[in-house]
Amino acid sequence: MKEQVITLETAKLAKEVKLRYPHKSWYDSPHLAKPEVVLNNSKHDDDMYPAPTQSLLQKWLRDKHNIHVIPVSGEHGLPHYDFCCMFYNGHWFNASQEVSDYDSYEEALEDGLQTALEFIKLNK
């Protein structure tokens, strides 16, 4: 089983909110770059985006911002997910950006991660 790396769209949001967490992958827009390419790349800061796994970003949001992002299975049961929740400052929020109908945990989680990053960006 391989962990899922965040999408380029999520990586761009993560860079905007100054994600600082150890990870091995970066997007050299629009492609995922290998770690050795990143180490030898002088344009590293401007044109590259951090690409941690979804679980590492989820942990960073919890540890750094006290935001918990949790996909929720609905009435259809697993593996179908209806929406993604976000718990912050004692309150639950719907973290799904659209009317949601996700086919996997990872798809729901990605949407929730983007919403949490947008929330941080708006509340700086």
PDB file of N, CA and C in Angstrom:
ATOM      1  N   MET A   1       0.846  -1.174   0.000  1.00  0.00           N
ATOM      2  CA  MET A   1       0.000   0.000   0.000  1.00  0.00           C
ATOM      3  C   MET A   1       0.897   1.245   0.000  1.00  0.00           C
ATOM      4  N   LYS A   2       0.611   2.140  -0.906  1.00  0.00           N
ATOM      5  CA  LYS A   2       1.414   3.357  -1.032  1.00  0.00           C
ATOM      6  C   LYS A   2       0.577   4.565  -0.623  1.00  0.00           C
ATOM      7  N   GLU A   3       1.179   5.440   0.154  1.00  0.00           N
ATOM      8  CA  GLU A   3       0.452   6.650   0.567  1.00  0.00           C
ATOM      9  C   GLU A   3       0.313   7.603  -0.604  1.00  0.00           C
ATOM     10  N   GLN A   4      -0.785   8.335  -0.615  1.00  0.00           N
ATOM     11  CA  GLN A   4      -1.093   9.259  -1.701  1.00  0.00           C
ATOM     12  C   GLN A   4      -0.450  10.622  -1.454  1.00  0.00           C
ATOM     13  N   VAL A   5       0.236  11.118  -2.471  1.00  0.00           N
ATOM     14  CA  VAL A   5       0.810  12.464  -2.446  1.00  0.00           C
ATOM     15  C   VAL A   5      -0.302  13.444  -2.792  1.00  0.00           C
ATOM     16  N   ILE A   6      -0.283  14.616  -2.168  1.00  0.00           N
ATOM     17  CA  ILE A   6      -1.303  15.626  -2.451  1.00  0.00           C
ATOM     18  C   ILE A   6      -1.219  16.060  -3.914  1.00  0.00           C
ATOM     19  N   THR A   7      -2.304  16.625  -4.416  1.00  0.00           N
ATOM     20  CA  THR A   7      -2.347  17.096  -5.803  1.00  0.00           C
ATOM     21  C   THR A   7      -1.568  18.407  -5.941  1.00  0.00           C
ATOM     22  N   LEU A   8      -1.291  18.793  -7.167  1.00  0.00           N
ATOM     23  CA  LEU A   8      -0.599  20.057  -7.429  1.00  0.00           C
ATOM     24  C   LEU A   8      -1.403  21.234  -6.887  1.00  0.00           C
ATOM     25  N   GLU A   9      -2.722  21.207  -7.064  1.00  0.00           N
ATOM     26  CA  GLU A   9      -3.570  22.292  -6.555  1.00  0.00           C
ATOM     27  C   GLU A   9      -3.429  22.436  -5.032  1.00  0.00           C
ATOM     28  N   THR A  10      -3.433  21.316  -4.326  1.00  0.00           N
ATOM     29  CA  THR A  10      -3.279  21.340  -2.870  1.00  0.00           C
ATOM     30  C   THR A  10      -1.867  21.790  -2.499  1.00  0.00           C
ATOM     31  N   ALA A  11      -0.871  21.355  -3.269  1.00  0.00           N
ATOM     32  CA  ALA A  11       0.517  21.745  -3.011  1.00  0.00           C
ATOM     33  C   ALA A  11       0.704  23.256  -3.138  1.00  0.00           C
ATOM     34  N   LYS A  12       0.043  23.869  -4.107  1.00  0.00           N
ATOM     35  CA  LYS A  12       0.137  25.323  -4.275  1.00  0.00           C
ATOM     36  C   LYS A  12      -0.458  26.044  -3.060  1.00  0.00           C
ATOM     37  N   LEU A  13      -1.589  25.546  -2.547  1.00  0.00           N
ATOM     38  CA  LEU A  13      -2.188  26.128  -1.337  1.00  0.00           C
ATOM     39  C   LEU A  13      -1.274  25.934  -0.132  1.00  0.00           C
ATOM     40  N   ALA A  14      -0.672  24.761  -0.030  1.00  0.00           N
ATOM     41  CA  ALA A  14       0.234  24.475   1.091  1.00  0.00           C
ATOM     42  C   ALA A  14       1.418  25.436   1.087  1.00  0.00           C
ATOM     43  N   LYS A  15       1.927  25.734  -0.089  1.00  0.00           N
ATOM     44  CA  LYS A  15       3.039  26.682  -0.184  1.00  0.00           C
ATOM     45  C   LYS A  15       2.596  28.086   0.230  1.00  0.00           C
ATOM     46  N   GLU A  16       1.381  28.478  -0.145  1.00  0.00           N
ATOM     47  CA  GLU A  16       0.865  29.797   0.217  1.00  0.00           C
ATOM     48  C   GLU A  16       0.758  29.991   1.731  1.00  0.00           C
ATOM     49  N   VAL A  17       0.443  28.924   2.448  1.00  0.00           N
ATOM     50  CA  VAL A  17       0.313  29.043   3.913  1.00  0.00           C
ATOM     51  C   VAL A  17       1.609  28.638   4.619  1.00  0.00           C
ATOM     52  N   LYS A  18       2.679  28.524   3.828  1.00  0.00           N
ATOM     53  CA  LYS A  18       4.028  28.288   4.342  1.00  0.00           C
ATOM     54  C   LYS A  18       4.163  26.957   5.084  1.00  0.00           C
ATOM     55  N   LEU A  19       3.762  25.886   4.408  1.00  0.00           N
ATOM     56  CA  LEU A  19       3.930  24.545   4.948  1.00  0.00           C
ATOM     57  C   LEU A  19       5.387  24.307   5.285  1.00  0.00           C
ATOM     58  N   ARG A  20       5.654  23.947   6.508  1.00  0.00           N
ATOM     59  CA  ARG A  20       7.005  23.611   6.962  1.00  0.00           C
ATOM     60  C   ARG A  20       6.918  22.260   7.654  1.00  0.00           C
ATOM     61  N   TYR A  21       7.152  21.202   6.882  1.00  0.00           N
ATOM     62  CA  TYR A  21       7.078  19.858   7.412  1.00  0.00           C
ATOM     63  C   TYR A  21       7.964  18.994   6.523  1.00  0.00           C
ATOM     64  N   PRO A  22       8.747  18.109   7.089  1.00  0.00           N
ATOM     65  CA  PRO A  22       9.641  17.298   6.252  1.00  0.00           C
ATOM     66  C   PRO A  22       8.855  16.432   5.260  1.00  0.00           C
ATOM     67  N   HIS A  23       9.265  16.450   4.024  1.00  0.00           N
ATOM     68  CA  HIS A  23       8.655  15.615   3.000  1.00  0.00           C
ATOM     69  C   HIS A  23       9.693  15.368   1.915  1.00  0.00           C
ATOM     70  N   LYS A  24       9.430  14.384   1.066  1.00  0.00           N
ATOM     71  CA  LYS A  24      10.416  13.968   0.070  1.00  0.00           C
ATOM     72  C   LYS A  24      10.087  14.370  -1.358  1.00  0.00           C
ATOM     73  N   SER A  25       8.868  14.787  -1.598  1.00  0.00           N
ATOM     74  CA  SER A  25       8.456  15.071  -2.976  1.00  0.00           C
ATOM     75  C   SER A  25       8.085  16.537  -3.162  1.00  0.00           C
ATOM     76  N   TRP A  26       8.275  16.996  -4.388  1.00  0.00           N
ATOM     77  CA  TRP A  26       7.918  18.364  -4.781  1.00  0.00           C
ATOM     78  C   TRP A  26       7.301  18.299  -6.164  1.00  0.00           C
ATOM     79  N   TYR A  27       6.458  19.258  -6.465  1.00  0.00           N
ATOM     80  CA  TYR A  27       5.991  19.431  -7.837  1.00  0.00           C
ATOM     81  C   TYR A  27       6.873  20.470  -8.494  1.00  0.00           C
ATOM     82  N   ASP A  28       7.403  20.095  -9.644  1.00  0.00           N
ATOM     83  CA  ASP A  28       8.067  21.039 -10.533  1.00  0.00           C
ATOM     84  C   ASP A  28       7.019  21.255 -11.616  1.00  0.00           C
ATOM     85  N   SER A  29       6.108  22.164 -11.351  1.00  0.00           N
ATOM     86  CA  SER A  29       4.842  22.324 -12.051  1.00  0.00           C
ATOM     87  C   SER A  29       4.944  21.944 -13.517  1.00  0.00           C
ATOM     88  N   PRO A  30       4.098  21.072 -13.999  1.00  0.00           N
ATOM     89  CA  PRO A  30       3.016  20.343 -13.338  1.00  0.00           C
ATOM     90  C   PRO A  30       3.390  18.922 -12.935  1.00  0.00           C
ATOM     91  N   HIS A  31       4.668  18.588 -12.940  1.00  0.00           N
ATOM     92  CA  HIS A  31       5.094  17.210 -12.697  1.00  0.00           C
ATOM     93  C   HIS A  31       5.658  17.026 -11.296  1.00  0.00           C
ATOM     94  N   LEU A  32       5.514  15.819 -10.786  1.00  0.00           N
ATOM     95  CA  LEU A  32       6.099  15.466  -9.502  1.00  0.00           C
ATOM     96  C   LEU A  32       7.590  15.248  -9.715  1.00  0.00           C
ATOM     97  N   ALA A  33       8.425  15.928  -8.932  1.00  0.00           N
ATOM     98  CA  ALA A  33       9.879  15.828  -9.079  1.00  0.00           C
ATOM     99  C   ALA A  33      10.447  14.800  -8.110  1.00  0.00           C
ATOM    100  N   LYS A  34      11.509  14.167  -8.512  1.00  0.00           N
ATOM    101  CA  LYS A  34      12.183  13.218  -7.634  1.00  0.00           C
ATOM    102  C   LYS A  34      13.055  13.992  -6.647  1.00  0.00           C
ATOM    103  N   PRO A  35      13.289  13.443  -5.439  1.00  0.00           N
ATOM    104  CA  PRO A  35      14.066  14.168  -4.421  1.00  0.00           C
ATOM    105  C   PRO A  35      15.438  14.638  -4.902  1.00  0.00           C
ATOM    106  N   GLU A  36      16.142  13.818  -5.693  1.00  0.00           N
ATOM    107  CA  GLU A  36      17.475  14.229  -6.148  1.00  0.00           C
ATOM    108  C   GLU A  36      17.418  15.414  -7.104  1.00  0.00           C
ATOM    109  N   VAL A  37      16.333  15.557  -7.841  1.00  0.00           N
ATOM    110  CA  VAL A  37      16.161  16.710  -8.736  1.00  0.00           C
ATOM    111  C   VAL A  37      15.988  17.977  -7.908  1.00  0.00           C
ATOM    112  N   VAL A  38      15.210  17.878  -6.843  1.00  0.00           N
ATOM    113  CA  VAL A  38      14.948  19.033  -5.980  1.00  0.00           C
ATOM    114  C   VAL A  38      16.237  19.528  -5.350  1.00  0.00           C
ATOM    115  N   LEU A  39      17.080  18.621  -4.881  1.00  0.00           N
ATOM    116  CA  LEU A  39      18.320  19.004  -4.208  1.00  0.00           C
ATOM    117  C   LEU A  39      19.264  19.758  -5.131  1.00  0.00           C
ATOM    118  N   ASN A  40      19.209  19.473  -6.421  1.00  0.00           N
ATOM    119  CA  ASN A  40      20.115  20.110  -7.378  1.00  0.00           C
ATOM    120  C   ASN A  40      19.459  21.235  -8.165  1.00  0.00           C
ATOM    121  N   ASN A  41      18.316  21.701  -7.731  1.00  0.00           N
ATOM    122  CA  ASN A  41      17.564  22.682  -8.505  1.00  0.00           C
ATOM    123  C   ASN A  41      17.675  24.064  -7.875  1.00  0.00           C
ATOM    124  N   SER A  42      18.220  25.020  -8.611  1.00  0.00           N
ATOM    125  CA  SER A  42      18.406  26.367  -8.069  1.00  0.00           C
ATOM    126  C   SER A  42      17.097  27.157  -8.026  1.00  0.00           C
ATOM    127  N   LYS A  43      16.086  26.770  -8.797  1.00  0.00           N
ATOM    128  CA  LYS A  43      14.826  27.502  -8.802  1.00  0.00           C
ATOM    129  C   LYS A  43      13.865  26.966  -7.744  1.00  0.00           C
ATOM    130  N   HIS A  44      14.372  26.189  -6.852  1.00  0.00           N
ATOM    131  CA  HIS A  44      13.623  25.480  -5.812  1.00  0.00           C
ATOM    132  C   HIS A  44      12.529  26.313  -5.156  1.00  0.00           C
ATOM    133  N   ASP A  45      12.827  27.488  -4.679  1.00  0.00           N
ATOM    134  CA  ASP A  45      11.839  28.257  -3.928  1.00  0.00           C
ATOM    135  C   ASP A  45      10.733  28.862  -4.783  1.00  0.00           C
ATOM    136  N   ASP A  46      11.037  29.281  -5.981  1.00  0.00           N
ATOM    137  CA  ASP A  46      10.058  30.007  -6.784  1.00  0.00           C
ATOM    138  C   ASP A  46       9.098  29.127  -7.573  1.00  0.00           C
ATOM    139  N   ASP A  47       9.609  28.086  -8.192  1.00  0.00           N
ATOM    140  CA  ASP A  47       8.810  27.323  -9.139  1.00  0.00           C
ATOM    141  C   ASP A  47       8.429  25.923  -8.668  1.00  0.00           C
ATOM    142  N   MET A  48       8.733  25.611  -7.421  1.00  0.00           N
ATOM    143  CA  MET A  48       8.451  24.271  -6.941  1.00  0.00           C
ATOM    144  C   MET A  48       7.510  24.330  -5.739  1.00  0.00           C
ATOM    145  N   TYR A  49       6.724  23.277  -5.604  1.00  0.00           N
ATOM    146  CA  TYR A  49       5.701  23.227  -4.558  1.00  0.00           C
ATOM    147  C   TYR A  49       5.872  21.966  -3.726  1.00  0.00           C
ATOM    148  N   PRO A  50       5.779  22.081  -2.403  1.00  0.00           N
ATOM    149  CA  PRO A  50       5.925  20.909  -1.541  1.00  0.00           C
ATOM    150  C   PRO A  50       4.816  19.901  -1.830  1.00  0.00           C
ATOM    151  N   ALA A  51       5.162  18.615  -1.850  1.00  0.00           N
ATOM    152  CA  ALA A  51       4.172  17.574  -2.123  1.00  0.00           C
ATOM    153  C   ALA A  51       4.289  16.453  -1.088  1.00  0.00           C
ATOM    154  N   PRO A  52       3.880  16.732   0.139  1.00  0.00           N
ATOM    155  CA  PRO A  52       3.881  15.664   1.138  1.00  0.00           C
ATOM    156  C   PRO A  52       2.736  14.693   0.862  1.00  0.00           C
ATOM    157  N   THR A  53       2.712  13.619   1.587  1.00  0.00           N
ATOM    158  CA  THR A  53       1.569  12.721   1.486  1.00  0.00           C
ATOM    159  C   THR A  53       0.368  13.392   2.138  1.00  0.00           C
ATOM    160  N   GLN A  54      -0.814  12.899   1.806  1.00  0.00           N
ATOM    161  CA  GLN A  54      -2.025  13.434   2.420  1.00  0.00           C
ATOM    162  C   GLN A  54      -1.970  13.295   3.938  1.00  0.00           C
ATOM    163  N   SER A  55      -1.473  12.162   4.423  1.00  0.00           N
ATOM    164  CA  SER A  55      -1.448  11.948   5.873  1.00  0.00           C
ATOM    165  C   SER A  55      -0.473  12.892   6.572  1.00  0.00           C
ATOM    166  N   LEU A  56       0.643  13.234   5.932  1.00  0.00           N
ATOM    167  CA  LEU A  56       1.576  14.198   6.540  1.00  0.00           C
ATOM    168  C   LEU A  56       0.962  15.599   6.590  1.00  0.00           C
ATOM    169  N   LEU A  57       0.272  15.990   5.520  1.00  0.00           N
ATOM    170  CA  LEU A  57      -0.390  17.298   5.533  1.00  0.00           C
ATOM    171  C   LEU A  57      -1.498  17.313   6.576  1.00  0.00           C
ATOM    172  N   GLN A  58      -2.237  16.232   6.670  1.00  0.00           N
ATOM    173  CA  GLN A  58      -3.295  16.117   7.673  1.00  0.00           C
ATOM    174  C   GLN A  58      -2.704  16.268   9.082  1.00  0.00           C
ATOM    175  N   LYS A  59      -1.556  15.639   9.329  1.00  0.00           N
ATOM    176  CA  LYS A  59      -0.875  15.738  10.631  1.00  0.00           C
ATOM    177  C   LYS A  59      -0.381  17.163  10.875  1.00  0.00           C
ATOM    178  N   TRP A  60       0.185  17.818   9.863  1.00  0.00           N
ATOM    179  CA  TRP A  60       0.665  19.197   9.996  1.00  0.00           C
ATOM    180  C   TRP A  60      -0.482  20.130  10.370  1.00  0.00           C
ATOM    181  N   LEU A  61      -1.630  19.947   9.716  1.00  0.00           N
ATOM    182  CA  LEU A  61      -2.795  20.775  10.030  1.00  0.00           C
ATOM    183  C   LEU A  61      -3.226  20.578  11.488  1.00  0.00           C
ATOM    184  N   ARG A  62      -3.166  19.333  11.953  1.00  0.00           N
ATOM    185  CA  ARG A  62      -3.528  19.035  13.341  1.00  0.00           C
ATOM    186  C   ARG A  62      -2.524  19.622  14.311  1.00  0.00           C
ATOM    187  N   ASP A  63      -1.229  19.386  14.062  1.00  0.00           N
ATOM    188  CA  ASP A  63      -0.161  19.802  14.982  1.00  0.00           C
ATOM    189  C   ASP A  63       0.056  21.313  15.002  1.00  0.00           C
ATOM    190  N   LYS A  64       0.057  21.926  13.844  1.00  0.00           N
ATOM    191  CA  LYS A  64       0.401  23.347  13.735  1.00  0.00           C
ATOM    192  C   LYS A  64      -0.807  24.275  13.896  1.00  0.00           C
ATOM    193  N   HIS A  65      -1.970  23.849  13.399  1.00  0.00           N
ATOM    194  CA  HIS A  65      -3.133  24.742  13.366  1.00  0.00           C
ATOM    195  C   HIS A  65      -4.338  24.216  14.143  1.00  0.00           C
ATOM    196  N   ASN A  66      -4.194  23.050  14.756  1.00  0.00           N
ATOM    197  CA  ASN A  66      -5.278  22.429  15.515  1.00  0.00           C
ATOM    198  C   ASN A  66      -6.542  22.251  14.664  1.00  0.00           C
ATOM    199  N   ILE A  67      -6.329  21.905  13.395  1.00  0.00           N
ATOM    200  CA  ILE A  67      -7.427  21.630  12.470  1.00  0.00           C
ATOM    201  C   ILE A  67      -7.420  20.137  12.167  1.00  0.00           C
ATOM    202  N   HIS A  68      -8.528  19.482  12.433  1.00  0.00           N
ATOM    203  CA  HIS A  68      -8.678  18.049  12.185  1.00  0.00           C
ATOM    204  C   HIS A  68      -9.551  17.865  10.949  1.00  0.00           C
ATOM    205  N   VAL A  69      -9.028  17.181   9.950  1.00  0.00           N
ATOM    206  CA  VAL A  69      -9.753  16.940   8.704  1.00  0.00           C
ATOM    207  C   VAL A  69     -10.103  15.455   8.647  1.00  0.00           C
ATOM    208  N   ILE A  70     -11.416  15.153   8.550  1.00  0.00           N
ATOM    209  CA  ILE A  70     -11.880  13.777   8.667  1.00  0.00           C
ATOM    210  C   ILE A  70     -12.936  13.466   7.605  1.00  0.00           C
ATOM    211  N   PRO A  71     -12.629  12.583   6.642  1.00  0.00           N
ATOM    212  CA  PRO A  71     -13.659  12.143   5.697  1.00  0.00           C
ATOM    213  C   PRO A  71     -14.731  11.325   6.420  1.00  0.00           C
ATOM    214  N   VAL A  72     -15.981  11.490   5.994  1.00  0.00           N
ATOM    215  CA  VAL A  72     -17.102  10.831   6.657  1.00  0.00           C
ATOM    216  C   VAL A  72     -17.867   9.970   5.657  1.00  0.00           C
ATOM    217  N   SER A  73     -18.041   8.706   6.024  1.00  0.00           N
ATOM    218  CA  SER A  73     -18.830   7.793   5.210  1.00  0.00           C
ATOM    219  C   SER A  73     -20.300   8.026   5.510  1.00  0.00           C
ATOM    220  N   GLY A  74     -21.104   8.102   4.474  1.00  0.00           N
ATOM    221  CA  GLY A  74     -22.517   8.403   4.661  1.00  0.00           C
ATOM    222  C   GLY A  74     -23.405   7.185   4.575  1.00  0.00           C
ATOM    223  N   GLU A  75     -24.595   7.422   4.178  1.00  0.00           N
ATOM    224  CA  GLU A  75     -25.611   6.377   4.175  1.00  0.00           C
ATOM    225  C   GLU A  75     -25.317   5.255   3.197  1.00  0.00           C
ATOM    226  N   HIS A  76     -24.487   5.503   2.201  1.00  0.00           N
ATOM    227  CA  HIS A  76     -24.180   4.472   1.215  1.00  0.00           C
ATOM    228  C   HIS A  76     -23.180   3.456   1.753  1.00  0.00           C
ATOM    229  N   GLY A  77     -22.465   3.819   2.821  1.00  0.00           N
ATOM    230  CA  GLY A  77     -21.478   2.916   3.408  1.00  0.00           C
ATOM    231  C   GLY A  77     -20.148   2.960   2.689  1.00  0.00           C
ATOM    232  N   LEU A  78     -19.163   2.322   3.286  1.00  0.00           N
ATOM    233  CA  LEU A  78     -17.821   2.289   2.719  1.00  0.00           C
ATOM    234  C   LEU A  78     -17.838   1.570   1.387  1.00  0.00           C
ATOM    235  N   PRO A  79     -17.019   1.893   0.407  1.00  0.00           N
ATOM    236  CA  PRO A  79     -16.004   2.941   0.415  1.00  0.00           C
ATOM    237  C   PRO A  79     -16.523   4.297  -0.043  1.00  0.00           C
ATOM    238  N   HIS A  80     -17.806   4.486  -0.116  1.00  0.00           N
ATOM    239  CA  HIS A  80     -18.379   5.760  -0.530  1.00  0.00           C
ATOM    240  C   HIS A  80     -18.305   6.776   0.611  1.00  0.00           C
ATOM    241  N   TYR A  81     -17.921   8.018   0.297  1.00  0.00           N
ATOM    242  CA  TYR A  81     -17.854   9.089   1.297  1.00  0.00           C
ATOM    243  C   TYR A  81     -18.720  10.242   0.836  1.00  0.00           C
ATOM    244  N   ASP A  82     -19.529  10.763   1.749  1.00  0.00           N
ATOM    245  CA  ASP A  82     -20.452  11.843   1.401  1.00  0.00           C
ATOM    246  C   ASP A  82     -19.829  13.222   1.537  1.00  0.00           C
ATOM    247  N   PHE A  83     -18.975  13.417   2.516  1.00  0.00           N
ATOM    248  CA  PHE A  83     -18.354  14.720   2.724  1.00  0.00           C
ATOM    249  C   PHE A  83     -17.141  14.575   3.631  1.00  0.00           C
ATOM    250  N   CYS A  84     -16.478  15.689   3.839  1.00  0.00           N
ATOM    251  CA  CYS A  84     -15.316  15.730   4.705  1.00  0.00           C
ATOM    252  C   CYS A  84     -15.574  16.777   5.783  1.00  0.00           C
ATOM    253  N   CYS A  85     -15.298  16.426   7.034  1.00  0.00           N
ATOM    254  CA  CYS A  85     -15.497  17.342   8.162  1.00  0.00           C
ATOM    255  C   CYS A  85     -14.185  17.999   8.563  1.00  0.00           C
ATOM    256  N   MET A  86     -14.301  19.159   9.146  1.00  0.00           N
ATOM    257  CA  MET A  86     -13.145  19.852   9.701  1.00  0.00           C
ATOM    258  C   MET A  86     -13.515  20.276  11.116  1.00  0.00           C
ATOM    259  N   PHE A  87     -12.688  19.913  12.075  1.00  0.00           N
ATOM    260  CA  PHE A  87     -12.907  20.286  13.464  1.00  0.00           C
ATOM    261  C   PHE A  87     -11.861  21.334  13.836  1.00  0.00           C
ATOM    262  N   TYR A  88     -12.314  22.501  14.272  1.00  0.00           N
ATOM    263  CA  TYR A  88     -11.402  23.587  14.622  1.00  0.00           C
ATOM    264  C   TYR A  88     -12.003  24.405  15.750  1.00  0.00           C
ATOM    265  N   ASN A  89     -11.198  24.643  16.771  1.00  0.00           N
ATOM    266  CA  ASN A  89     -11.582  25.527  17.868  1.00  0.00           C
ATOM    267  C   ASN A  89     -12.925  25.128  18.505  1.00  0.00           C
ATOM    268  N   GLY A  90     -13.118  23.815  18.684  1.00  0.00           N
ATOM    269  CA  GLY A  90     -14.318  23.320  19.338  1.00  0.00           C
ATOM    270  C   GLY A  90     -15.549  23.243  18.469  1.00  0.00           C
ATOM    271  N   HIS A  91     -15.412  23.467  17.158  1.00  0.00           N
ATOM    272  CA  HIS A  91     -16.567  23.457  16.251  1.00  0.00           C
ATOM    273  C   HIS A  91     -16.317  22.541  15.056  1.00  0.00           C
ATOM    274  N   TRP A  92     -17.380  21.901  14.583  1.00  0.00           N
ATOM    275  CA  TRP A  92     -17.343  21.084  13.370  1.00  0.00           C
ATOM    276  C   TRP A  92     -17.793  21.924  12.184  1.00  0.00           C
ATOM    277  N   PHE A  93     -17.109  21.776  11.071  1.00  0.00           N
ATOM    278  CA  PHE A  93     -17.471  22.456   9.830  1.00  0.00           C
ATOM    279  C   PHE A  93     -17.539  21.426   8.717  1.00  0.00           C
ATOM    280  N   ASN A  94     -18.347  21.688   7.701  1.00  0.00           N
ATOM    281  CA  ASN A  94     -18.314  20.871   6.502  1.00  0.00           C
ATOM    282  C   ASN A  94     -17.128  21.357   5.678  1.00  0.00           C
ATOM    283  N   ALA A  95     -16.168  20.493   5.472  1.00  0.00           N
ATOM    284  CA  ALA A  95     -14.960  20.885   4.748  1.00  0.00           C
ATOM    285  C   ALA A  95     -15.044  20.545   3.266  1.00  0.00           C
ATOM    286  N   SER A  96     -16.155  20.005   2.817  1.00  0.00           N
ATOM    287  CA  SER A  96     -16.316  19.687   1.404  1.00  0.00           C
ATOM    288  C   SER A  96     -16.623  20.968   0.643  1.00  0.00           C
ATOM    289  N   GLN A  97     -15.947  21.151  -0.475  1.00  0.00           N
ATOM    290  CA  GLN A  97     -16.103  22.383  -1.233  1.00  0.00           C
ATOM    291  C   GLN A  97     -17.334  22.373  -2.132  1.00  0.00           C
ATOM    292  N   GLU A  98     -17.833  21.216  -2.492  1.00  0.00           N
ATOM    293  CA  GLU A  98     -18.980  21.106  -3.384  1.00  0.00           C
ATOM    294  C   GLU A  98     -19.969  20.118  -2.793  1.00  0.00           C
ATOM    295  N   VAL A  99     -21.115  19.949  -3.461  1.00  0.00           N
ATOM    296  CA  VAL A  99     -21.996  18.844  -3.106  1.00  0.00           C
ATOM    297  C   VAL A  99     -21.164  17.600  -3.343  1.00  0.00           C
ATOM    298  N   SER A 100     -21.026  16.798  -2.332  1.00  0.00           N
ATOM    299  CA  SER A 100     -19.987  15.779  -2.357  1.00  0.00           C
ATOM    300  C   SER A 100     -20.516  14.378  -2.602  1.00  0.00           C
ATOM    301  N   ASP A 101     -19.763  13.675  -3.365  1.00  0.00           N
ATOM    302  CA  ASP A 101     -20.020  12.274  -3.622  1.00  0.00           C
ATOM    303  C   ASP A 101     -18.679  11.661  -4.000  1.00  0.00           C
ATOM    304  N   TYR A 102     -17.922  11.257  -2.998  1.00  0.00           N
ATOM    305  CA  TYR A 102     -16.564  10.773  -3.221  1.00  0.00           C
ATOM    306  C   TYR A 102     -16.534   9.253  -3.307  1.00  0.00           C
ATOM    307  N   ASP A 103     -15.722   8.744  -4.185  1.00  0.00           N
ATOM    308  CA  ASP A 103     -15.591   7.301  -4.347  1.00  0.00           C
ATOM    309  C   ASP A 103     -14.541   6.700  -3.427  1.00  0.00           C
ATOM    310  N   SER A 104     -13.723   7.552  -2.791  1.00  0.00           N
ATOM    311  CA  SER A 104     -12.674   7.017  -1.921  1.00  0.00           C
ATOM    312  C   SER A 104     -12.391   7.971  -0.766  1.00  0.00           C
ATOM    313  N   TYR A 105     -11.782   7.426   0.268  1.00  0.00           N
ATOM    314  CA  TYR A 105     -11.345   8.197   1.427  1.00  0.00           C
ATOM    315  C   TYR A 105     -10.388   9.290   0.976  1.00  0.00           C
ATOM    316  N   GLU A 106      -9.443   8.931   0.102  1.00  0.00           N
ATOM    317  CA  GLU A 106      -8.411   9.867  -0.347  1.00  0.00           C
ATOM    318  C   GLU A 106      -8.995  11.042  -1.117  1.00  0.00           C
ATOM    319  N   GLU A 107     -10.008  10.777  -1.931  1.00  0.00           N
ATOM    320  CA  GLU A 107     -10.658  11.850  -2.694  1.00  0.00           C
ATOM    321  C   GLU A 107     -11.355  12.833  -1.746  1.00  0.00           C
ATOM    322  N   ALA A 108     -12.063  12.305  -0.749  1.00  0.00           N
ATOM    323  CA  ALA A 108     -12.724  13.165   0.238  1.00  0.00           C
ATOM    324  C   ALA A 108     -11.697  13.927   1.061  1.00  0.00           C
ATOM    325  N   LEU A 109     -10.619  13.246   1.454  1.00  0.00           N
ATOM    326  CA  LEU A 109      -9.573  13.875   2.258  1.00  0.00           C
ATOM    327  C   LEU A 109      -8.909  15.020   1.497  1.00  0.00           C
ATOM    328  N   GLU A 110      -8.626  14.828   0.222  1.00  0.00           N
ATOM    329  CA  GLU A 110      -7.984  15.870  -0.590  1.00  0.00           C
ATOM    330  C   GLU A 110      -8.824  17.144  -0.598  1.00  0.00           C
ATOM    331  N   ASP A 111     -10.122  16.984  -0.766  1.00  0.00           N
ATOM    332  CA  ASP A 111     -11.031  18.133  -0.766  1.00  0.00           C
ATOM    333  C   ASP A 111     -11.007  18.823   0.596  1.00  0.00           C
ATOM    334  N   GLY A 112     -11.041  18.039   1.661  1.00  0.00           N
ATOM    335  CA  GLY A 112     -10.991  18.602   3.008  1.00  0.00           C
ATOM    336  C   GLY A 112      -9.673  19.304   3.296  1.00  0.00           C
ATOM    337  N   LEU A 113      -8.573  18.757   2.820  1.00  0.00           N
ATOM    338  CA  LEU A 113      -7.261  19.393   3.023  1.00  0.00           C
ATOM    339  C   LEU A 113      -7.219  20.754   2.325  1.00  0.00           C
ATOM    340  N   GLN A 114      -7.754  20.822   1.111  1.00  0.00           N
ATOM    341  CA  GLN A 114      -7.785  22.099   0.391  1.00  0.00           C
ATOM    342  C   GLN A 114      -8.620  23.130   1.143  1.00  0.00           C
ATOM    343  N   THR A 115      -9.754  22.707   1.675  1.00  0.00           N
ATOM    344  CA  THR A 115     -10.613  23.621   2.426  1.00  0.00           C
ATOM    345  C   THR A 115      -9.909  24.126   3.672  1.00  0.00           C
ATOM    346  N   ALA A 116      -9.208  23.239   4.376  1.00  0.00           N
ATOM    347  CA  ALA A 116      -8.475  23.643   5.584  1.00  0.00           C
ATOM    348  C   ALA A 116      -7.373  24.640   5.244  1.00  0.00           C
ATOM    349  N   LEU A 117      -6.664  24.429   4.137  1.00  0.00           N
ATOM    350  CA  LEU A 117      -5.607  25.363   3.726  1.00  0.00           C
ATOM    351  C   LEU A 117      -6.199  26.721   3.329  1.00  0.00           C
ATOM    352  N   GLU A 118      -7.340  26.702   2.639  1.00  0.00           N
ATOM    353  CA  GLU A 118      -8.018  27.962   2.303  1.00  0.00           C
ATOM    354  C   GLU A 118      -8.463  28.685   3.578  1.00  0.00           C
ATOM    355  N   PHE A 119      -8.941  27.938   4.555  1.00  0.00           N
ATOM    356  CA  PHE A 119      -9.362  28.501   5.840  1.00  0.00           C
ATOM    357  C   PHE A 119      -8.188  29.201   6.516  1.00  0.00           C
ATOM    358  N   ILE A 120      -7.029  28.579   6.522  1.00  0.00           N
ATOM    359  CA  ILE A 120      -5.825  29.179   7.122  1.00  0.00           C
ATOM    360  C   ILE A 120      -5.466  30.453   6.360  1.00  0.00           C
ATOM    361  N   LYS A 121      -5.495  30.393   5.035  1.00  0.00           N
ATOM    362  CA  LYS A 121      -5.154  31.544   4.201  1.00  0.00           C
ATOM    363  C   LYS A 121      -6.077  32.733   4.494  1.00  0.00           C
ATOM    364  N   LEU A 122      -7.348  32.473   4.661  1.00  0.00           N
ATOM    365  CA  LEU A 122      -8.323  33.547   4.914  1.00  0.00           C
ATOM    366  C   LEU A 122      -8.260  34.088   6.334  1.00  0.00           C
ATOM    367  N   ASN A 123      -7.736  33.319   7.257  1.00  0.00           N
ATOM    368  CA  ASN A 123      -7.731  33.723   8.658  1.00  0.00           C
ATOM    369  C   ASN A 123      -6.349  34.060   9.195  1.00  0.00           C
ATOM    370  N   LYS A 124      -5.444  34.444   8.318  1.00  0.00           N
ATOM    371  CA  LYS A 124      -4.102  34.843   8.760  1.00  0.00           C
ATOM    372  C   LYS A 124      -4.160  36.160   9.471  1.00  0.00           C
TER     373      LYS A 124
END
